[in-house]
Amino acid sequence: MIRRAGPADLAELMVLIREFHRIDRHPHDEDGVRRALRPLLDEIYVRDCGQGLGSAAMPEILHACRLAGAARMFLETEAHNTTVRRFYAKQGFTAEDSVWMSRDL
């Protein structure tokens, strides 16, 4: 089942975010994630890759973005995650020559 997460889903979201951080090799700060979760509810993470869930969800996600007035979608993925980049390419996304930079506040 694919649906938008809400506040009642906090415990399950935390499990998914921990998995995502482990897979993408990000440090996991439980308290920081909880503080930042509200703006991250638009982030998409598919747990069971290769089952067709992402392919099923992507048209709905793009449609919802268009309805909200978005004109372009930007995706972020780690350089080592070739599987997801192949998936995004199959969905019509193209790689851009940009570099993300960040710093702690």
N, C-alpha and C. Protein backbone atom coordinates (compact mmCIF):
# COMPACT_ATOMS: atom_id res chain seq x y z
N MET A 1 0.84 -1.17 0.00
CA MET A 1 0.00 0.00 0.00
C MET A 1 0.89 1.25 0.00
N ILE A 2 0.52 2.21 -0.78
CA ILE A 2 1.24 3.47 -0.85
C ILE A 2 0.31 4.56 -0.37
N ARG A 3 0.77 5.34 0.61
CA ARG A 3 -0.02 6.46 1.11
C ARG A 3 0.92 7.50 1.72
N ARG A 4 0.41 8.69 1.90
CA ARG A 4 1.19 9.76 2.50
C ARG A 4 1.25 9.55 4.02
N ALA A 5 2.44 9.70 4.58
CA ALA A 5 2.62 9.54 6.03
C ALA A 5 2.12 10.76 6.77
N GLY A 6 1.71 10.54 8.00
CA GLY A 6 1.26 11.62 8.87
C GLY A 6 1.86 11.47 10.25
N PRO A 7 1.51 12.35 11.16
CA PRO A 7 2.07 12.30 12.52
C PRO A 7 1.88 10.96 13.22
N ALA A 8 0.80 10.27 12.96
CA ALA A 8 0.56 8.97 13.60
C ALA A 8 1.56 7.91 13.14
N ASP A 9 2.29 8.19 12.08
CA ASP A 9 3.24 7.24 11.51
C ASP A 9 4.66 7.45 12.02
N LEU A 10 4.84 8.27 13.05
CA LEU A 10 6.18 8.65 13.50
C LEU A 10 7.07 7.44 13.79
N ALA A 11 6.58 6.46 14.53
CA ALA A 11 7.42 5.31 14.90
C ALA A 11 7.91 4.57 13.65
N GLU A 12 7.02 4.31 12.71
CA GLU A 12 7.41 3.60 11.49
C GLU A 12 8.33 4.45 10.63
N LEU A 13 8.08 5.75 10.58
CA LEU A 13 8.95 6.64 9.83
C LEU A 13 10.37 6.61 10.38
N MET A 14 10.49 6.59 11.69
CA MET A 14 11.82 6.56 12.30
C MET A 14 12.57 5.28 11.91
N VAL A 15 11.86 4.15 11.83
CA VAL A 15 12.48 2.90 11.38
C VAL A 15 12.98 3.05 9.95
N LEU A 16 12.15 3.60 9.08
CA LEU A 16 12.53 3.77 7.67
C LEU A 16 13.70 4.73 7.52
N ILE A 17 13.70 5.82 8.28
CA ILE A 17 14.77 6.81 8.18
C ILE A 17 16.08 6.22 8.67
N ARG A 18 16.03 5.41 9.75
CA ARG A 18 17.26 4.74 10.22
C ARG A 18 17.81 3.83 9.12
N GLU A 19 16.92 3.07 8.46
CA GLU A 19 17.35 2.19 7.35
C GLU A 19 17.97 3.01 6.22
N PHE A 20 17.30 4.09 5.86
CA PHE A 20 17.78 4.96 4.79
C PHE A 20 19.17 5.50 5.13
N HIS A 21 19.36 5.98 6.34
CA HIS A 21 20.66 6.51 6.74
C HIS A 21 21.74 5.43 6.70
N ARG A 22 21.40 4.22 7.14
CA ARG A 22 22.37 3.13 7.12
C ARG A 22 22.76 2.80 5.67
N ILE A 23 21.79 2.69 4.79
CA ILE A 23 22.05 2.34 3.39
C ILE A 23 22.86 3.43 2.69
N ASP A 24 22.50 4.70 2.94
CA ASP A 24 23.20 5.80 2.28
C ASP A 24 24.42 6.29 3.06
N ARG A 25 24.75 5.58 4.13
CA ARG A 25 25.96 5.85 4.92
C ARG A 25 25.96 7.25 5.55
N HIS A 26 24.79 7.67 6.03
CA HIS A 26 24.68 8.94 6.74
C HIS A 26 24.71 8.66 8.24
N PRO A 27 25.29 9.55 9.03
CA PRO A 27 25.16 9.40 10.48
C PRO A 27 23.70 9.60 10.86
N HIS A 28 23.24 8.89 11.87
CA HIS A 28 21.84 9.00 12.28
C HIS A 28 21.76 9.67 13.64
N ASP A 29 21.11 10.80 13.69
CA ASP A 29 20.88 11.55 14.93
C ASP A 29 19.38 11.50 15.21
N GLU A 30 18.98 10.58 16.08
CA GLU A 30 17.55 10.34 16.35
C GLU A 30 16.82 11.63 16.74
N ASP A 31 17.38 12.39 17.67
CA ASP A 31 16.73 13.62 18.11
C ASP A 31 16.66 14.65 16.99
N GLY A 32 17.74 14.76 16.23
CA GLY A 32 17.75 15.70 15.11
C GLY A 32 16.74 15.34 14.05
N VAL A 33 16.60 14.05 13.78
CA VAL A 33 15.62 13.60 12.79
C VAL A 33 14.21 13.93 13.26
N ARG A 34 13.94 13.65 14.53
CA ARG A 34 12.60 13.95 15.06
C ARG A 34 12.29 15.45 14.96
N ARG A 35 13.28 16.31 15.24
CA ARG A 35 13.06 17.76 15.15
C ARG A 35 12.82 18.19 13.71
N ALA A 36 13.48 17.55 12.78
CA ALA A 36 13.40 17.95 11.38
C ALA A 36 12.37 17.18 10.58
N LEU A 37 11.67 16.26 11.21
CA LEU A 37 10.79 15.36 10.47
C LEU A 37 9.67 16.05 9.72
N ARG A 38 9.05 17.05 10.31
CA ARG A 38 7.90 17.67 9.65
C ARG A 38 8.24 18.13 8.23
N PRO A 39 9.32 18.89 8.00
CA PRO A 39 9.60 19.27 6.60
C PRO A 39 10.08 18.10 5.75
N LEU A 40 10.51 17.03 6.37
CA LEU A 40 10.97 15.87 5.60
C LEU A 40 9.85 14.92 5.22
N LEU A 41 8.62 15.18 5.63
CA LEU A 41 7.52 14.28 5.29
C LEU A 41 7.29 14.20 3.80
N ASP A 42 7.87 15.13 3.03
CA ASP A 42 7.77 15.05 1.56
C ASP A 42 8.86 14.19 0.97
N GLU A 43 9.77 13.68 1.78
CA GLU A 43 10.84 12.82 1.28
C GLU A 43 10.27 11.42 1.03
N ILE A 44 10.74 10.78 -0.03
CA ILE A 44 10.25 9.46 -0.41
C ILE A 44 11.34 8.44 -0.19
N TYR A 45 11.00 7.35 0.46
CA TYR A 45 11.92 6.24 0.66
C TYR A 45 11.13 4.96 0.44
N VAL A 46 11.60 4.11 -0.45
CA VAL A 46 10.95 2.83 -0.72
C VAL A 46 11.81 1.75 -0.11
N ARG A 47 11.23 1.00 0.80
CA ARG A 47 11.97 -0.03 1.52
C ARG A 47 12.23 -1.25 0.64
N ASP A 48 11.24 -1.76 -0.05
CA ASP A 48 11.37 -3.02 -0.80
C ASP A 48 11.68 -2.75 -2.26
N CYS A 49 12.93 -2.40 -2.54
CA CYS A 49 13.34 -2.11 -3.91
C CYS A 49 13.15 -3.33 -4.79
N GLY A 50 12.80 -3.08 -6.04
CA GLY A 50 12.65 -4.15 -7.01
C GLY A 50 11.27 -4.80 -7.01
N GLN A 51 10.36 -4.27 -6.22
CA GLN A 51 9.00 -4.84 -6.15
C GLN A 51 7.99 -4.05 -6.96
N GLY A 52 8.42 -2.98 -7.61
CA GLY A 52 7.53 -2.17 -8.43
C GLY A 52 6.83 -1.04 -7.66
N LEU A 53 7.14 -0.89 -6.37
CA LEU A 53 6.48 0.15 -5.58
C LEU A 53 6.87 1.55 -6.05
N GLY A 54 8.15 1.77 -6.30
CA GLY A 54 8.59 3.07 -6.78
C GLY A 54 8.00 3.42 -8.13
N SER A 55 7.95 2.44 -9.02
CA SER A 55 7.36 2.66 -10.35
C SER A 55 5.88 2.97 -10.24
N ALA A 56 5.21 2.35 -9.28
CA ALA A 56 3.79 2.62 -9.08
C ALA A 56 3.57 3.99 -8.45
N ALA A 57 4.46 4.38 -7.55
CA ALA A 57 4.29 5.64 -6.83
C ALA A 57 4.68 6.86 -7.64
N MET A 58 5.69 6.73 -8.50
CA MET A 58 6.25 7.90 -9.18
C MET A 58 5.22 8.70 -9.97
N PRO A 59 4.36 8.09 -10.78
CA PRO A 59 3.37 8.91 -11.50
C PRO A 59 2.45 9.68 -10.56
N GLU A 60 2.07 9.07 -9.45
CA GLU A 60 1.21 9.75 -8.47
C GLU A 60 1.95 10.91 -7.81
N ILE A 61 3.21 10.69 -7.50
CA ILE A 61 4.02 11.74 -6.88
C ILE A 61 4.18 12.92 -7.83
N LEU A 62 4.50 12.63 -9.09
CA LEU A 62 4.66 13.69 -10.09
C LEU A 62 3.35 14.45 -10.29
N HIS A 63 2.25 13.71 -10.33
CA HIS A 63 0.93 14.34 -10.50
C HIS A 63 0.62 15.26 -9.32
N ALA A 64 0.87 14.80 -8.10
CA ALA A 64 0.62 15.62 -6.91
C ALA A 64 1.48 16.87 -6.93
N CYS A 65 2.72 16.74 -7.38
CA CYS A 65 3.60 17.91 -7.46
C CYS A 65 3.08 18.92 -8.48
N ARG A 66 2.63 18.42 -9.64
CA ARG A 66 2.06 19.32 -10.66
C ARG A 66 0.83 20.05 -10.11
N LEU A 67 -0.05 19.30 -9.43
CA LEU A 67 -1.25 19.92 -8.85
C LEU A 67 -0.89 20.99 -7.82
N ALA A 68 0.22 20.80 -7.12
CA ALA A 68 0.67 21.77 -6.12
C ALA A 68 1.37 22.97 -6.76
N GLY A 69 1.54 22.95 -8.09
CA GLY A 69 2.14 24.08 -8.79
C GLY A 69 3.62 23.94 -9.08
N ALA A 70 4.20 22.79 -8.77
CA ALA A 70 5.63 22.59 -9.04
C ALA A 70 5.86 22.46 -10.54
N ALA A 71 6.97 23.02 -11.01
CA ALA A 71 7.31 22.95 -12.43
C ALA A 71 8.49 22.02 -12.69
N ARG A 72 9.23 21.67 -11.66
CA ARG A 72 10.41 20.81 -11.82
C ARG A 72 10.64 20.07 -10.52
N MET A 73 11.12 18.83 -10.65
CA MET A 73 11.46 18.04 -9.47
C MET A 73 12.96 17.76 -9.49
N PHE A 74 13.59 18.00 -8.35
CA PHE A 74 14.99 17.69 -8.17
C PHE A 74 15.10 16.51 -7.22
N LEU A 75 15.96 15.57 -7.55
CA LEU A 75 16.18 14.40 -6.72
C LEU A 75 17.61 14.41 -6.20
N GLU A 76 17.78 13.93 -5.00
CA GLU A 76 19.12 13.79 -4.43
C GLU A 76 19.37 12.32 -4.17
N THR A 77 20.55 11.87 -4.55
CA THR A 77 20.97 10.51 -4.24
C THR A 77 22.47 10.51 -4.03
N GLU A 78 22.94 9.52 -3.35
CA GLU A 78 24.37 9.42 -3.09
C GLU A 78 25.08 8.87 -4.32
N ALA A 79 26.33 9.27 -4.51
CA ALA A 79 27.11 8.86 -5.69
C ALA A 79 27.22 7.34 -5.79
N HIS A 80 27.32 6.65 -4.68
CA HIS A 80 27.49 5.19 -4.70
C HIS A 80 26.20 4.45 -5.02
N ASN A 81 25.05 5.12 -5.02
CA ASN A 81 23.76 4.44 -5.19
C ASN A 81 23.36 4.36 -6.66
N THR A 82 24.06 3.53 -7.40
CA THR A 82 23.80 3.40 -8.83
C THR A 82 22.42 2.79 -9.12
N THR A 83 21.94 1.94 -8.22
CA THR A 83 20.63 1.31 -8.43
C THR A 83 19.53 2.36 -8.52
N VAL A 84 19.51 3.28 -7.58
CA VAL A 84 18.45 4.28 -7.59
C VAL A 84 18.63 5.26 -8.74
N ARG A 85 19.86 5.56 -9.12
CA ARG A 85 20.06 6.45 -10.27
C ARG A 85 19.55 5.80 -11.55
N ARG A 86 19.74 4.50 -11.70
CA ARG A 86 19.18 3.80 -12.87
C ARG A 86 17.65 3.87 -12.85
N PHE A 87 17.08 3.66 -11.66
CA PHE A 87 15.61 3.75 -11.53
C PHE A 87 15.12 5.14 -11.94
N TYR A 88 15.76 6.19 -11.42
CA TYR A 88 15.34 7.55 -11.76
C TYR A 88 15.48 7.81 -13.26
N ALA A 89 16.53 7.32 -13.88
CA ALA A 89 16.71 7.50 -15.32
C ALA A 89 15.57 6.82 -16.08
N LYS A 90 15.16 5.65 -15.64
CA LYS A 90 14.03 4.96 -16.29
C LYS A 90 12.73 5.74 -16.13
N GLN A 91 12.65 6.57 -15.09
CA GLN A 91 11.46 7.39 -14.85
C GLN A 91 11.52 8.72 -15.59
N GLY A 92 12.60 8.94 -16.38
CA GLY A 92 12.70 10.15 -17.19
C GLY A 92 13.56 11.26 -16.61
N PHE A 93 14.19 11.01 -15.47
CA PHE A 93 15.05 12.02 -14.86
C PHE A 93 16.43 11.96 -15.50
N THR A 94 17.08 13.11 -15.58
CA THR A 94 18.43 13.16 -16.14
C THR A 94 19.38 13.73 -15.09
N ALA A 95 20.62 13.27 -15.13
CA ALA A 95 21.63 13.75 -14.18
C ALA A 95 22.02 15.17 -14.53
N GLU A 96 22.27 15.97 -13.50
CA GLU A 96 22.73 17.34 -13.69
C GLU A 96 24.14 17.44 -13.13
N ASP A 97 24.88 18.37 -13.65
CA ASP A 97 26.25 18.57 -13.21
C ASP A 97 26.28 19.60 -12.09
N SER A 98 25.82 19.17 -10.92
CA SER A 98 25.82 20.08 -9.77
C SER A 98 26.42 19.34 -8.57
N VAL A 99 26.86 20.11 -7.61
CA VAL A 99 27.44 19.55 -6.40
C VAL A 99 26.69 20.12 -5.21
N TRP A 100 26.22 19.24 -4.34
CA TRP A 100 25.56 19.67 -3.11
C TRP A 100 26.62 20.00 -2.08
N MET A 101 26.42 21.09 -1.40
CA MET A 101 27.32 21.45 -0.30
C MET A 101 26.46 21.70 0.93
N SER A 102 26.99 21.40 2.11
CA SER A 102 26.22 21.62 3.33
C SER A 102 27.16 21.95 4.48
N ARG A 103 26.55 22.38 5.59
CA ARG A 103 27.30 22.59 6.82
C ARG A 103 26.32 22.49 7.97
N ASP A 104 26.84 22.10 9.09
CA ASP A 104 26.03 22.05 10.29
C ASP A 104 25.76 23.46 10.78
N LEU A 105 24.61 23.66 11.38
CA LEU A 105 24.23 24.98 11.90
C LEU A 105 24.41 25.02 13.41
